[in-house]
Amino acid sequence: MHGERDDVVSYAEGKAAYDMVPWPKAMLSLPEGDHGRSLLRKGDPAFPVVGDTTVEFLRWSLYGDPAAKRRLAREATAGNVAVLDDHL
C-alpha cells in the first residue's frame, strides 16, 4: 500500500521498489493517500478498503486460499479510492 501524496517516502520511490521485485506481488495505490496518517481515522473511506484488501491478500498468501485471491480486486476497488496493481 502506498499513498500517492506521501510526504515521507515519495510515491515514485515506492513504485520503483515495487517494480524491482521479481516475485509475485501486489501494490495498492491510494491517489488521495498520505503516509498513513489519514487511515488512522475510521471515517476515511480508504480505511475499510485497505483493511479488507490486506486481509484477502494475507488469506491468499499465508493460507493459499484461492477464493481470497479472487476477491482481491473487488476489495481493492471498493469505493473507487484505490487502484490495485498485481502480478500474482
PDB file of N, CA and C in Angstrom:
ATOM      1  N   MET A   1       0.837  -1.160   0.000  1.00  0.00           N
ATOM      2  CA  MET A   1       0.000   0.000   0.000  1.00  0.00           C
ATOM      3  C   MET A   1       0.888   1.231   0.000  1.00  0.00           C
ATOM      4  N   HIS A   2       0.494   2.211  -0.832  1.00  0.00           N
ATOM      5  CA  HIS A   2       1.259   3.451  -0.853  1.00  0.00           C
ATOM      6  C   HIS A   2       0.345   4.600  -1.248  1.00  0.00           C
ATOM      7  N   GLY A   3       0.371   5.660  -0.460  1.00  0.00           N
ATOM      8  CA  GLY A   3      -0.375   6.866  -0.775  1.00  0.00           C
ATOM      9  C   GLY A   3       0.387   7.704  -1.783  1.00  0.00           C
ATOM     10  N   GLU A   4      -0.309   8.176  -2.789  1.00  0.00           N
ATOM     11  CA  GLU A   4       0.340   8.980  -3.820  1.00  0.00           C
ATOM     12  C   GLU A   4       0.698  10.371  -3.328  1.00  0.00           C
ATOM     13  N   ARG A   5       0.177  10.774  -2.175  1.00  0.00           N
ATOM     14  CA  ARG A   5       0.503  12.084  -1.581  1.00  0.00           C
ATOM     15  C   ARG A   5       1.427  11.925  -0.367  1.00  0.00           C
ATOM     16  N   ASP A   6       2.138  10.821  -0.324  1.00  0.00           N
ATOM     17  CA  ASP A   6       3.051  10.539   0.787  1.00  0.00           C
ATOM     18  C   ASP A   6       4.179  11.566   0.788  1.00  0.00           C
ATOM     19  N   ASP A   7       4.352  12.262   1.902  1.00  0.00           N
ATOM     20  CA  ASP A   7       5.413  13.266   2.001  1.00  0.00           C
ATOM     21  C   ASP A   7       6.632  12.739   2.767  1.00  0.00           C
ATOM     22  N   VAL A   8       6.625  11.464   3.112  1.00  0.00           N
ATOM     23  CA  VAL A   8       7.763  10.851   3.801  1.00  0.00           C
ATOM     24  C   VAL A   8       8.567   9.998   2.814  1.00  0.00           C
ATOM     25  N   VAL A   9       7.895   9.089   2.129  1.00  0.00           N
ATOM     26  CA  VAL A   9       8.505   8.273   1.076  1.00  0.00           C
ATOM     27  C   VAL A   9       7.714   8.580  -0.189  1.00  0.00           C
ATOM     28  N   SER A  10       8.353   9.165  -1.174  1.00  0.00           N
ATOM     29  CA  SER A  10       7.609   9.565  -2.364  1.00  0.00           C
ATOM     30  C   SER A  10       6.983   8.346  -3.048  1.00  0.00           C
ATOM     31  N   TYR A  11       5.864   8.599  -3.688  1.00  0.00           N
ATOM     32  CA  TYR A  11       5.181   7.525  -4.403  1.00  0.00           C
ATOM     33  C   TYR A  11       6.101   6.941  -5.478  1.00  0.00           C
ATOM     34  N   ALA A  12       6.845   7.799  -6.157  1.00  0.00           N
ATOM     35  CA  ALA A  12       7.757   7.336  -7.205  1.00  0.00           C
ATOM     36  C   ALA A  12       8.797   6.364  -6.640  1.00  0.00           C
ATOM     37  N   GLU A  13       9.315   6.646  -5.454  1.00  0.00           N
ATOM     38  CA  GLU A  13      10.293   5.739  -4.823  1.00  0.00           C
ATOM     39  C   GLU A  13       9.643   4.408  -4.449  1.00  0.00           C
ATOM     40  N   GLY A  14       8.455   4.467  -3.880  1.00  0.00           N
ATOM     41  CA  GLY A  14       7.747   3.241  -3.516  1.00  0.00           C
ATOM     42  C   GLY A  14       7.424   2.398  -4.728  1.00  0.00           C
ATOM     43  N   LYS A  15       6.964   3.043  -5.799  1.00  0.00           N
ATOM     44  CA  LYS A  15       6.621   2.323  -7.029  1.00  0.00           C
ATOM     45  C   LYS A  15       7.874   1.735  -7.664  1.00  0.00           C
ATOM     46  N   ALA A  16       8.977   2.447  -7.624  1.00  0.00           N
ATOM     47  CA  ALA A  16      10.233   1.936  -8.190  1.00  0.00           C
ATOM     48  C   ALA A  16      10.682   0.683  -7.445  1.00  0.00           C
ATOM     49  N   ALA A  17      10.558   0.685  -6.123  1.00  0.00           N
ATOM     50  CA  ALA A  17      10.915  -0.501  -5.336  1.00  0.00           C
ATOM     51  C   ALA A  17       9.998  -1.664  -5.687  1.00  0.00           C
ATOM     52  N   TYR A  18       8.706  -1.397  -5.801  1.00  0.00           N
ATOM     53  CA  TYR A  18       7.737  -2.430  -6.188  1.00  0.00           C
ATOM     54  C   TYR A  18       8.091  -3.006  -7.556  1.00  0.00           C
ATOM     55  N   ASP A  19       8.408  -2.139  -8.505  1.00  0.00           N
ATOM     56  CA  ASP A  19       8.725  -2.588  -9.864  1.00  0.00           C
ATOM     57  C   ASP A  19       9.959  -3.480  -9.911  1.00  0.00           C
ATOM     58  N   MET A  20      10.893  -3.310  -8.990  1.00  0.00           N
ATOM     59  CA  MET A  20      12.125  -4.110  -8.984  1.00  0.00           C
ATOM     60  C   MET A  20      11.928  -5.511  -8.412  1.00  0.00           C
ATOM     61  N   VAL A  21      10.870  -5.748  -7.682  1.00  0.00           N
ATOM     62  CA  VAL A  21      10.646  -7.053  -7.053  1.00  0.00           C
ATOM     63  C   VAL A  21      10.278  -8.073  -8.132  1.00  0.00           C
ATOM     64  N   PRO A  22      11.018  -9.180  -8.223  1.00  0.00           N
ATOM     65  CA  PRO A  22      10.758 -10.143  -9.297  1.00  0.00           C
ATOM     66  C   PRO A  22       9.683 -11.190  -8.984  1.00  0.00           C
ATOM     67  N   TRP A  23       9.349 -11.393  -7.726  1.00  0.00           N
ATOM     68  CA  TRP A  23       8.397 -12.448  -7.360  1.00  0.00           C
ATOM     69  C   TRP A  23       6.964 -11.925  -7.420  1.00  0.00           C
ATOM     70  N   PRO A  24       5.970 -12.796  -7.251  1.00  0.00           N
ATOM     71  CA  PRO A  24       4.568 -12.354  -7.261  1.00  0.00           C
ATOM     72  C   PRO A  24       4.362 -11.231  -6.245  1.00  0.00           C
ATOM     73  N   LYS A  25       3.596 -10.219  -6.670  1.00  0.00           N
ATOM     74  CA  LYS A  25       3.469  -9.026  -5.847  1.00  0.00           C
ATOM     75  C   LYS A  25       2.165  -8.310  -6.138  1.00  0.00           C
ATOM     76  N   ALA A  26       1.805  -7.420  -5.247  1.00  0.00           N
ATOM     77  CA  ALA A  26       0.645  -6.556  -5.423  1.00  0.00           C
ATOM     78  C   ALA A  26       0.918  -5.237  -4.717  1.00  0.00           C
ATOM     79  N   MET A  27       0.423  -4.156  -5.313  1.00  0.00           N
ATOM     80  CA  MET A  27       0.583  -2.835  -4.712  1.00  0.00           C
ATOM     81  C   MET A  27      -0.756  -2.119  -4.772  1.00  0.00           C
ATOM     82  N   LEU A  28      -1.215  -1.678  -3.637  1.00  0.00           N
ATOM     83  CA  LEU A  28      -2.448  -0.926  -3.535  1.00  0.00           C
ATOM     84  C   LEU A  28      -2.072   0.552  -3.479  1.00  0.00           C
ATOM     85  N   SER A  29      -2.468   1.304  -4.503  1.00  0.00           N
ATOM     86  CA  SER A  29      -2.164   2.738  -4.573  1.00  0.00           C
ATOM     87  C   SER A  29      -3.388   3.537  -4.180  1.00  0.00           C
ATOM     88  N   LEU A  30      -3.163   4.519  -3.323  1.00  0.00           N
ATOM     89  CA  LEU A  30      -4.235   5.398  -2.851  1.00  0.00           C
ATOM     90  C   LEU A  30      -3.976   6.798  -3.382  1.00  0.00           C
ATOM     91  N   PRO A  31      -4.675   7.220  -4.451  1.00  0.00           N
ATOM     92  CA  PRO A  31      -4.430   8.542  -5.038  1.00  0.00           C
ATOM     93  C   PRO A  31      -4.544   9.696  -4.042  1.00  0.00           C
ATOM     94  N   GLU A  32      -5.432   9.599  -3.075  1.00  0.00           N
ATOM     95  CA  GLU A  32      -5.593  10.659  -2.079  1.00  0.00           C
ATOM     96  C   GLU A  32      -4.873  10.334  -0.770  1.00  0.00           C
ATOM     97  N   GLY A  33      -4.137   9.232  -0.753  1.00  0.00           N
ATOM     98  CA  GLY A  33      -3.487   8.779   0.469  1.00  0.00           C
ATOM     99  C   GLY A  33      -2.193   9.497   0.773  1.00  0.00           C
ATOM    100  N   ASP A  34      -1.899   9.617   2.072  1.00  0.00           N
ATOM    101  CA  ASP A  34      -0.638  10.192   2.514  1.00  0.00           C
ATOM    102  C   ASP A  34       0.232   9.062   3.076  1.00  0.00           C
ATOM    103  N   HIS A  35       0.991   9.335   4.101  1.00  0.00           N
ATOM    104  CA  HIS A  35       1.875   8.311   4.672  1.00  0.00           C
ATOM    105  C   HIS A  35       1.139   7.388   5.646  1.00  0.00           C
ATOM    106  N   GLY A  36      -0.164   7.449   5.657  1.00  0.00           N
ATOM    107  CA  GLY A  36      -0.958   6.572   6.501  1.00  0.00           C
ATOM    108  C   GLY A  36      -1.664   7.272   7.633  1.00  0.00           C
ATOM    109  N   ARG A  37      -1.361   8.544   7.842  1.00  0.00           N
ATOM    110  CA  ARG A  37      -1.990   9.272   8.947  1.00  0.00           C
ATOM    111  C   ARG A  37      -3.510   9.322   8.798  1.00  0.00           C
ATOM    112  N   SER A  38      -3.997   9.517   7.571  1.00  0.00           N
ATOM    113  CA  SER A  38      -5.445   9.616   7.382  1.00  0.00           C
ATOM    114  C   SER A  38      -6.137   8.285   7.665  1.00  0.00           C
ATOM    115  N   LEU A  39      -5.432   7.180   7.482  1.00  0.00           N
ATOM    116  CA  LEU A  39      -6.036   5.865   7.718  1.00  0.00           C
ATOM    117  C   LEU A  39      -6.277   5.597   9.193  1.00  0.00           C
ATOM    118  N   LEU A  40      -5.698   6.420  10.040  1.00  0.00           N
ATOM    119  CA  LEU A  40      -5.926   6.257  11.472  1.00  0.00           C
ATOM    120  C   LEU A  40      -7.316   6.729  11.864  1.00  0.00           C
ATOM    121  N   ARG A  41      -7.969   7.429  10.977  1.00  0.00           N
ATOM    122  CA  ARG A  41      -9.340   7.904  11.226  1.00  0.00           C
ATOM    123  C   ARG A  41     -10.305   6.949  10.548  1.00  0.00           C
ATOM    124  N   LYS A  42     -11.181   6.349  11.310  1.00  0.00           N
ATOM    125  CA  LYS A  42     -12.113   5.372  10.747  1.00  0.00           C
ATOM    126  C   LYS A  42     -13.076   5.990   9.745  1.00  0.00           C
ATOM    127  N   GLY A  43     -13.239   7.301   9.731  1.00  0.00           N
ATOM    128  CA  GLY A  43     -14.116   7.939   8.766  1.00  0.00           C
ATOM    129  C   GLY A  43     -13.520   8.032   7.369  1.00  0.00           C
ATOM    130  N   ASP A  44     -12.229   7.781   7.247  1.00  0.00           N
ATOM    131  CA  ASP A  44     -11.580   7.843   5.943  1.00  0.00           C
ATOM    132  C   ASP A  44     -12.131   6.725   5.074  1.00  0.00           C
ATOM    133  N   PRO A  45     -12.601   7.019   3.850  1.00  0.00           N
ATOM    134  CA  PRO A  45     -13.180   5.979   3.000  1.00  0.00           C
ATOM    135  C   PRO A  45     -12.181   4.900   2.589  1.00  0.00           C
ATOM    136  N   ALA A  46     -10.897   5.183   2.687  1.00  0.00           N
ATOM    137  CA  ALA A  46      -9.895   4.175   2.333  1.00  0.00           C
ATOM    138  C   ALA A  46      -9.668   3.169   3.462  1.00  0.00           C
ATOM    139  N   PHE A  47     -10.080   3.518   4.680  1.00  0.00           N
ATOM    140  CA  PHE A  47      -9.835   2.647   5.842  1.00  0.00           C
ATOM    141  C   PHE A  47     -10.342   1.223   5.619  1.00  0.00           C
ATOM    142  N   PRO A  48     -11.621   1.007   5.257  1.00  0.00           N
ATOM    143  CA  PRO A  48     -12.075  -0.375   5.062  1.00  0.00           C
ATOM    144  C   PRO A  48     -11.459  -1.033   3.833  1.00  0.00           C
ATOM    145  N   VAL A  49     -11.147  -0.253   2.822  1.00  0.00           N
ATOM    146  CA  VAL A  49     -10.554  -0.811   1.600  1.00  0.00           C
ATOM    147  C   VAL A  49      -9.177  -1.389   1.909  1.00  0.00           C
ATOM    148  N   VAL A  50      -8.372  -0.633   2.614  1.00  0.00           N
ATOM    149  CA  VAL A  50      -7.029  -1.101   2.982  1.00  0.00           C
ATOM    150  C   VAL A  50      -7.127  -2.335   3.879  1.00  0.00           C
ATOM    151  N   GLY A  51      -7.993  -2.276   4.864  1.00  0.00           N
ATOM    152  CA  GLY A  51      -8.141  -3.415   5.777  1.00  0.00           C
ATOM    153  C   GLY A  51      -8.626  -4.667   5.070  1.00  0.00           C
ATOM    154  N   ASP A  52      -9.694  -4.539   4.277  1.00  0.00           N
ATOM    155  CA  ASP A  52     -10.261  -5.705   3.605  1.00  0.00           C
ATOM    156  C   ASP A  52      -9.316  -6.285   2.560  1.00  0.00           C
ATOM    157  N   THR A  53      -8.634  -5.412   1.824  1.00  0.00           N
ATOM    158  CA  THR A  53      -7.682  -5.884   0.815  1.00  0.00           C
ATOM    159  C   THR A  53      -6.508  -6.592   1.479  1.00  0.00           C
ATOM    160  N   THR A  54      -6.028  -6.048   2.580  1.00  0.00           N
ATOM    161  CA  THR A  54      -4.924  -6.667   3.315  1.00  0.00           C
ATOM    162  C   THR A  54      -5.313  -8.050   3.829  1.00  0.00           C
ATOM    163  N   VAL A  55      -6.501  -8.169   4.375  1.00  0.00           N
ATOM    164  CA  VAL A  55      -6.967  -9.469   4.886  1.00  0.00           C
ATOM    165  C   VAL A  55      -7.024 -10.492   3.759  1.00  0.00           C
ATOM    166  N   GLU A  56      -7.573 -10.119   2.612  1.00  0.00           N
ATOM    167  CA  GLU A  56      -7.665 -11.070   1.494  1.00  0.00           C
ATOM    168  C   GLU A  56      -6.276 -11.454   0.980  1.00  0.00           C
ATOM    169  N   PHE A  57      -5.363 -10.473   0.911  1.00  0.00           N
ATOM    170  CA  PHE A  57      -4.003 -10.782   0.467  1.00  0.00           C
ATOM    171  C   PHE A  57      -3.337 -11.774   1.424  1.00  0.00           C
ATOM    172  N   LEU A  58      -3.497 -11.549   2.722  1.00  0.00           N
ATOM    173  CA  LEU A  58      -2.891 -12.450   3.708  1.00  0.00           C
ATOM    174  C   LEU A  58      -3.551 -13.827   3.689  1.00  0.00           C
ATOM    175  N   ARG A  59      -4.857 -13.877   3.511  1.00  0.00           N
ATOM    176  CA  ARG A  59      -5.528 -15.179   3.407  1.00  0.00           C
ATOM    177  C   ARG A  59      -4.992 -15.965   2.218  1.00  0.00           C
ATOM    178  N   TRP A  60      -4.774 -15.270   1.113  1.00  0.00           N
ATOM    179  CA  TRP A  60      -4.247 -15.949  -0.066  1.00  0.00           C
ATOM    180  C   TRP A  60      -2.783 -16.343   0.123  1.00  0.00           C
ATOM    181  N   SER A  61      -1.947 -15.372   0.548  1.00  0.00           N
ATOM    182  CA  SER A  61      -0.509 -15.642   0.594  1.00  0.00           C
ATOM    183  C   SER A  61      -0.087 -16.551   1.744  1.00  0.00           C
ATOM    184  N   LEU A  62      -0.763 -16.473   2.880  1.00  0.00           N
ATOM    185  CA  LEU A  62      -0.372 -17.302   4.021  1.00  0.00           C
ATOM    186  C   LEU A  62      -1.079 -18.653   4.067  1.00  0.00           C
ATOM    187  N   TYR A  63      -2.331 -18.669   3.626  1.00  0.00           N
ATOM    188  CA  TYR A  63      -3.117 -19.901   3.721  1.00  0.00           C
ATOM    189  C   TYR A  63      -3.384 -20.560   2.375  1.00  0.00           C
ATOM    190  N   GLY A  64      -2.985 -19.903   1.293  1.00  0.00           N
ATOM    191  CA  GLY A  64      -3.203 -20.478  -0.028  1.00  0.00           C
ATOM    192  C   GLY A  64      -4.663 -20.513  -0.440  1.00  0.00           C
ATOM    193  N   ASP A  65      -5.462 -19.588   0.072  1.00  0.00           N
ATOM    194  CA  ASP A  65      -6.891 -19.547  -0.199  1.00  0.00           C
ATOM    195  C   ASP A  65      -7.147 -18.948  -1.589  1.00  0.00           C
ATOM    196  N   PRO A  66      -7.519 -19.774  -2.588  1.00  0.00           N
ATOM    197  CA  PRO A  66      -7.727 -19.255  -3.941  1.00  0.00           C
ATOM    198  C   PRO A  66      -8.925 -18.304  -4.034  1.00  0.00           C
ATOM    199  N   ALA A  67      -9.929 -18.494  -3.198  1.00  0.00           N
ATOM    200  CA  ALA A  67     -11.081 -17.595  -3.208  1.00  0.00           C
ATOM    201  C   ALA A  67     -10.673 -16.195  -2.740  1.00  0.00           C
ATOM    202  N   ALA A  68      -9.772 -16.122  -1.783  1.00  0.00           N
ATOM    203  CA  ALA A  68      -9.283 -14.828  -1.303  1.00  0.00           C
ATOM    204  C   ALA A  68      -8.541 -14.099  -2.421  1.00  0.00           C
ATOM    205  N   LYS A  69      -7.771 -14.817  -3.195  1.00  0.00           N
ATOM    206  CA  LYS A  69      -7.061 -14.202  -4.318  1.00  0.00           C
ATOM    207  C   LYS A  69      -8.052 -13.626  -5.327  1.00  0.00           C
ATOM    208  N   ARG A  70      -9.138 -14.327  -5.575  1.00  0.00           N
ATOM    209  CA  ARG A  70     -10.158 -13.834  -6.499  1.00  0.00           C
ATOM    210  C   ARG A  70     -10.877 -12.598  -5.959  1.00  0.00           C
ATOM    211  N   ARG A  71     -10.968 -12.469  -4.649  1.00  0.00           N
ATOM    212  CA  ARG A  71     -11.648 -11.318  -4.035  1.00  0.00           C
ATOM    213  C   ARG A  71     -10.772 -10.063  -3.961  1.00  0.00           C
ATOM    214  N   LEU A  72      -9.485 -10.202  -4.166  1.00  0.00           N
ATOM    215  CA  LEU A  72      -8.563  -9.065  -4.021  1.00  0.00           C
ATOM    216  C   LEU A  72      -8.981  -7.856  -4.848  1.00  0.00           C
ATOM    217  N   ALA A  73      -9.216  -8.041  -6.127  1.00  0.00           N
ATOM    218  CA  ALA A  73      -9.543  -6.904  -6.994  1.00  0.00           C
ATOM    219  C   ALA A  73     -10.837  -6.230  -6.565  1.00  0.00           C
ATOM    220  N   ARG A  74     -11.833  -7.009  -6.166  1.00  0.00           N
ATOM    221  CA  ARG A  74     -13.107  -6.434  -5.727  1.00  0.00           C
ATOM    222  C   ARG A  74     -12.916  -5.586  -4.472  1.00  0.00           C
ATOM    223  N   GLU A  75     -12.180  -6.115  -3.506  1.00  0.00           N
ATOM    224  CA  GLU A  75     -11.947  -5.378  -2.262  1.00  0.00           C
ATOM    225  C   GLU A  75     -11.119  -4.118  -2.504  1.00  0.00           C
ATOM    226  N   ALA A  76     -10.119  -4.238  -3.377  1.00  0.00           N
ATOM    227  CA  ALA A  76      -9.213  -3.119  -3.636  1.00  0.00           C
ATOM    228  C   ALA A  76      -9.901  -1.957  -4.338  1.00  0.00           C
ATOM    229  N   THR A  77     -10.906  -2.246  -5.142  1.00  0.00           N
ATOM    230  CA  THR A  77     -11.547  -1.178  -5.914  1.00  0.00           C
ATOM    231  C   THR A  77     -12.856  -0.696  -5.302  1.00  0.00           C
ATOM    232  N   ALA A  78     -13.235  -1.226  -4.163  1.00  0.00           N
ATOM    233  CA  ALA A  78     -14.468  -0.788  -3.496  1.00  0.00           C
ATOM    234  C   ALA A  78     -14.384   0.705  -3.190  1.00  0.00           C
ATOM    235  N   GLY A  79     -15.406   1.422  -3.523  1.00  0.00           N
ATOM    236  CA  GLY A  79     -15.446   2.850  -3.213  1.00  0.00           C
ATOM    237  C   GLY A  79     -14.603   3.719  -4.125  1.00  0.00           C
ATOM    238  N   ASN A  80     -13.925   3.125  -5.084  1.00  0.00           N
ATOM    239  CA  ASN A  80     -13.083   3.884  -6.030  1.00  0.00           C
ATOM    240  C   ASN A  80     -12.065   4.788  -5.334  1.00  0.00           C
ATOM    241  N   VAL A  81     -11.473   4.289  -4.239  1.00  0.00           N
ATOM    242  CA  VAL A  81     -10.473   5.092  -3.518  1.00  0.00           C
ATOM    243  C   VAL A  81      -9.060   4.541  -3.690  1.00  0.00           C
ATOM    244  N   ALA A  82      -8.934   3.405  -4.393  1.00  0.00           N
ATOM    245  CA  ALA A  82      -7.626   2.772  -4.543  1.00  0.00           C
ATOM    246  C   ALA A  82      -7.541   2.075  -5.899  1.00  0.00           C
ATOM    247  N   VAL A  83      -6.308   1.787  -6.286  1.00  0.00           N
ATOM    248  CA  VAL A  83      -6.028   1.065  -7.528  1.00  0.00           C
ATOM    249  C   VAL A  83      -5.106  -0.087  -7.177  1.00  0.00           C
ATOM    250  N   LEU A  84      -5.435  -1.268  -7.668  1.00  0.00           N
ATOM    251  CA  LEU A  84      -4.605  -2.443  -7.398  1.00  0.00           C
ATOM    252  C   LEU A  84      -3.770  -2.762  -8.629  1.00  0.00           C
ATOM    253  N   ASP A  85      -2.470  -2.865  -8.432  1.00  0.00           N
ATOM    254  CA  ASP A  85      -1.542  -3.326  -9.465  1.00  0.00           C
ATOM    255  C   ASP A  85      -1.022  -4.658  -8.951  1.00  0.00           C
ATOM    256  N   ASP A  86      -1.415  -5.742  -9.605  1.00  0.00           N
ATOM    257  CA  ASP A  86      -0.953  -7.026  -9.086  1.00  0.00           C
ATOM    258  C   ASP A  86      -0.381  -7.898 -10.180  1.00  0.00           C
ATOM    259  N   HIS A  87       0.611  -8.633  -9.773  1.00  0.00           N
ATOM    260  CA  HIS A  87       1.292  -9.621 -10.609  1.00  0.00           C
ATOM    261  C   HIS A  87       1.412 -10.882  -9.748  1.00  0.00           C
ATOM    262  N   LEU A  88       0.267 -11.532  -9.529  1.00  0.00           N
ATOM    263  CA  LEU A  88       0.224 -12.675  -8.625  1.00  0.00           C
ATOM    264  C   LEU A  88       0.107 -13.974  -9.390  1.00  0.00           C
TER     265      LEU A  88
END
